[in-house]
Amino acid sequence: MININRERGLRFLYLDAGHMAEHLYLLATAYGFGACALGGAYDREVEKWIGIDGLQETLLYGVVVG
Protein backbone atom coordinates (compact mmCIF):
# COMPACT_ATOMS: atom_id res chain seq x y z
CA MET A 1 0.00 0.00 0.00
CA ILE A 2 1.30 3.46 -0.92
CA ASN A 3 1.45 6.07 1.80
CA ILE A 4 -0.78 8.89 0.47
CA ASN A 5 0.66 11.49 2.87
CA ARG A 6 4.17 10.76 1.63
CA GLU A 7 3.08 11.19 -1.99
CA ARG A 8 1.34 14.46 -1.13
CA GLY A 9 4.43 15.64 0.73
CA LEU A 10 6.63 14.90 -2.28
CA ARG A 11 4.25 16.78 -4.58
CA PHE A 12 4.42 19.82 -2.29
CA LEU A 13 8.20 19.50 -2.12
CA TYR A 14 8.50 19.67 -5.91
CA LEU A 15 5.97 22.51 -6.15
CA ASP A 16 7.82 24.51 -3.52
CA ALA A 17 11.15 23.92 -5.28
CA GLY A 18 9.62 25.31 -8.47
CA HIS A 19 8.24 28.33 -6.64
CA MET A 20 11.62 29.05 -5.05
CA ALA A 21 13.33 28.78 -8.44
CA GLU A 22 10.82 31.19 -9.93
CA HIS A 23 11.50 33.70 -7.14
CA LEU A 24 15.24 33.27 -7.65
CA TYR A 25 14.77 34.09 -11.36
CA LEU A 26 12.78 37.20 -10.43
CA LEU A 27 15.37 38.34 -7.88
CA ALA A 28 18.24 37.74 -10.28
CA THR A 29 16.50 39.80 -12.94
CA ALA A 30 15.69 42.59 -10.47
CA TYR A 31 19.38 42.83 -9.55
CA GLY A 32 20.52 42.74 -13.18
CA PHE A 33 21.77 39.15 -13.22
CA GLY A 34 20.85 36.23 -15.41
CA ALA A 35 19.59 32.88 -14.14
CA CYS A 36 19.48 29.44 -15.72
CA ALA A 37 18.00 26.23 -14.30
CA LEU A 38 20.16 23.15 -14.62
CA GLY A 39 18.69 20.55 -16.93
CA GLY A 40 20.79 17.85 -15.34
CA ALA A 41 23.84 17.33 -13.18
CA TYR A 42 26.05 14.60 -11.81
CA ASP A 43 24.39 14.38 -8.40
CA ARG A 44 27.35 12.89 -6.53
CA GLU A 45 29.73 15.51 -7.89
CA VAL A 46 27.43 18.37 -6.91
CA GLU A 47 26.79 16.80 -3.50
CA LYS A 48 30.54 16.63 -2.86
CA TRP A 49 31.01 20.20 -4.13
CA ILE A 50 28.36 21.67 -1.81
CA GLY A 51 29.16 19.35 1.10
CA ILE A 52 26.05 17.19 1.51
CA ASP A 53 25.81 13.41 1.88
CA GLY A 54 23.16 12.60 -0.74
CA LEU A 55 21.09 10.61 1.75
CA GLN A 56 19.78 13.03 4.37
CA GLU A 57 20.28 15.96 2.00
CA THR A 58 20.25 15.80 -1.77
CA LEU A 59 20.17 17.93 -4.88
CA LEU A 60 16.60 18.76 -5.82
CA TYR A 61 16.79 21.76 -8.13
CA GLY A 62 19.80 23.61 -9.45
CA VAL A 63 19.85 27.21 -10.66
CA VAL A 64 22.94 29.11 -11.75
CA VAL A 65 22.90 32.87 -11.20
CA GLY A 66 25.47 35.25 -12.57
C-alpha atoms as a PDB file:
ATOM      1  CA  MET A   1       0.000   0.000   0.000  1.00  0.00           C
ATOM      2  CA  ILE A   2       1.302   3.464  -0.924  1.00  0.00           C
ATOM      3  CA  ASN A   3       1.452   6.071   1.803  1.00  0.00           C
ATOM      4  CA  ILE A   4      -0.778   8.889   0.474  1.00  0.00           C
ATOM      5  CA  ASN A   5       0.656  11.488   2.868  1.00  0.00           C
ATOM      6  CA  ARG A   6       4.166  10.757   1.628  1.00  0.00           C
ATOM      7  CA  GLU A   7       3.076  11.188  -1.989  1.00  0.00           C
ATOM      8  CA  ARG A   8       1.341  14.465  -1.132  1.00  0.00           C
ATOM      9  CA  GLY A   9       4.431  15.637   0.729  1.00  0.00           C
ATOM     10  CA  LEU A  10       6.629  14.897  -2.282  1.00  0.00           C
ATOM     11  CA  ARG A  11       4.250  16.784  -4.582  1.00  0.00           C
ATOM     12  CA  PHE A  12       4.422  19.816  -2.285  1.00  0.00           C
ATOM     13  CA  LEU A  13       8.204  19.496  -2.117  1.00  0.00           C
ATOM     14  CA  TYR A  14       8.499  19.671  -5.906  1.00  0.00           C
ATOM     15  CA  LEU A  15       5.969  22.511  -6.155  1.00  0.00           C
ATOM     16  CA  ASP A  16       7.823  24.506  -3.520  1.00  0.00           C
ATOM     17  CA  ALA A  17      11.155  23.921  -5.284  1.00  0.00           C
ATOM     18  CA  GLY A  18       9.622  25.309  -8.470  1.00  0.00           C
ATOM     19  CA  HIS A  19       8.242  28.330  -6.637  1.00  0.00           C
ATOM     20  CA  MET A  20      11.619  29.046  -5.046  1.00  0.00           C
ATOM     21  CA  ALA A  21      13.334  28.777  -8.436  1.00  0.00           C
ATOM     22  CA  GLU A  22      10.817  31.195  -9.927  1.00  0.00           C
ATOM     23  CA  HIS A  23      11.503  33.697  -7.145  1.00  0.00           C
ATOM     24  CA  LEU A  24      15.242  33.270  -7.652  1.00  0.00           C
ATOM     25  CA  TYR A  25      14.774  34.091 -11.356  1.00  0.00           C
ATOM     26  CA  LEU A  26      12.784  37.201 -10.425  1.00  0.00           C
ATOM     27  CA  LEU A  27      15.368  38.338  -7.878  1.00  0.00           C
ATOM     28  CA  ALA A  28      18.243  37.743 -10.277  1.00  0.00           C
ATOM     29  CA  THR A  29      16.495  39.799 -12.938  1.00  0.00           C
ATOM     30  CA  ALA A  30      15.692  42.590 -10.475  1.00  0.00           C
ATOM     31  CA  TYR A  31      19.381  42.829  -9.554  1.00  0.00           C
ATOM     32  CA  GLY A  32      20.523  42.737 -13.180  1.00  0.00           C
ATOM     33  CA  PHE A  33      21.767  39.147 -13.217  1.00  0.00           C
ATOM     34  CA  GLY A  34      20.853  36.231 -15.411  1.00  0.00           C
ATOM     35  CA  ALA A  35      19.592  32.876 -14.143  1.00  0.00           C
ATOM     36  CA  CYS A  36      19.476  29.440 -15.722  1.00  0.00           C
ATOM     37  CA  ALA A  37      17.996  26.234 -14.298  1.00  0.00           C
ATOM     38  CA  LEU A  38      20.162  23.150 -14.624  1.00  0.00           C
ATOM     39  CA  GLY A  39      18.688  20.549 -16.928  1.00  0.00           C
ATOM     40  CA  GLY A  40      20.787  17.848 -15.343  1.00  0.00           C
ATOM     41  CA  ALA A  41      23.838  17.327 -13.176  1.00  0.00           C
ATOM     42  CA  TYR A  42      26.051  14.603 -11.808  1.00  0.00           C
ATOM     43  CA  ASP A  43      24.392  14.376  -8.401  1.00  0.00           C
ATOM     44  CA  ARG A  44      27.345  12.887  -6.525  1.00  0.00           C
ATOM     45  CA  GLU A  45      29.734  15.505  -7.889  1.00  0.00           C
ATOM     46  CA  VAL A  46      27.434  18.374  -6.912  1.00  0.00           C
ATOM     47  CA  GLU A  47      26.788  16.800  -3.501  1.00  0.00           C
ATOM     48  CA  LYS A  48      30.541  16.631  -2.861  1.00  0.00           C
ATOM     49  CA  TRP A  49      31.006  20.198  -4.133  1.00  0.00           C
ATOM     50  CA  ILE A  50      28.356  21.675  -1.808  1.00  0.00           C
ATOM     51  CA  GLY A  51      29.161  19.347   1.099  1.00  0.00           C
ATOM     52  CA  ILE A  52      26.051  17.192   1.507  1.00  0.00           C
ATOM     53  CA  ASP A  53      25.811  13.415   1.884  1.00  0.00           C
ATOM     54  CA  GLY A  54      23.161  12.600  -0.742  1.00  0.00           C
ATOM     55  CA  LEU A  55      21.086  10.613   1.752  1.00  0.00           C
ATOM     56  CA  GLN A  56      19.781  13.030   4.369  1.00  0.00           C
ATOM     57  CA  GLU A  57      20.276  15.962   2.004  1.00  0.00           C
ATOM     58  CA  THR A  58      20.247  15.804  -1.770  1.00  0.00           C
ATOM     59  CA  LEU A  59      20.174  17.931  -4.880  1.00  0.00           C
ATOM     60  CA  LEU A  60      16.596  18.761  -5.820  1.00  0.00           C
ATOM     61  CA  TYR A  61      16.789  21.762  -8.135  1.00  0.00           C
ATOM     62  CA  GLY A  62      19.801  23.614  -9.455  1.00  0.00           C
ATOM     63  CA  VAL A  63      19.845  27.212 -10.656  1.00  0.00           C
ATOM     64  CA  VAL A  64      22.945  29.111 -11.752  1.00  0.00           C
ATOM     65  CA  VAL A  65      22.902  32.874 -11.204  1.00  0.00           C
ATOM     66  CA  GLY A  66      25.470  35.255 -12.567  1.00  0.00           C
END
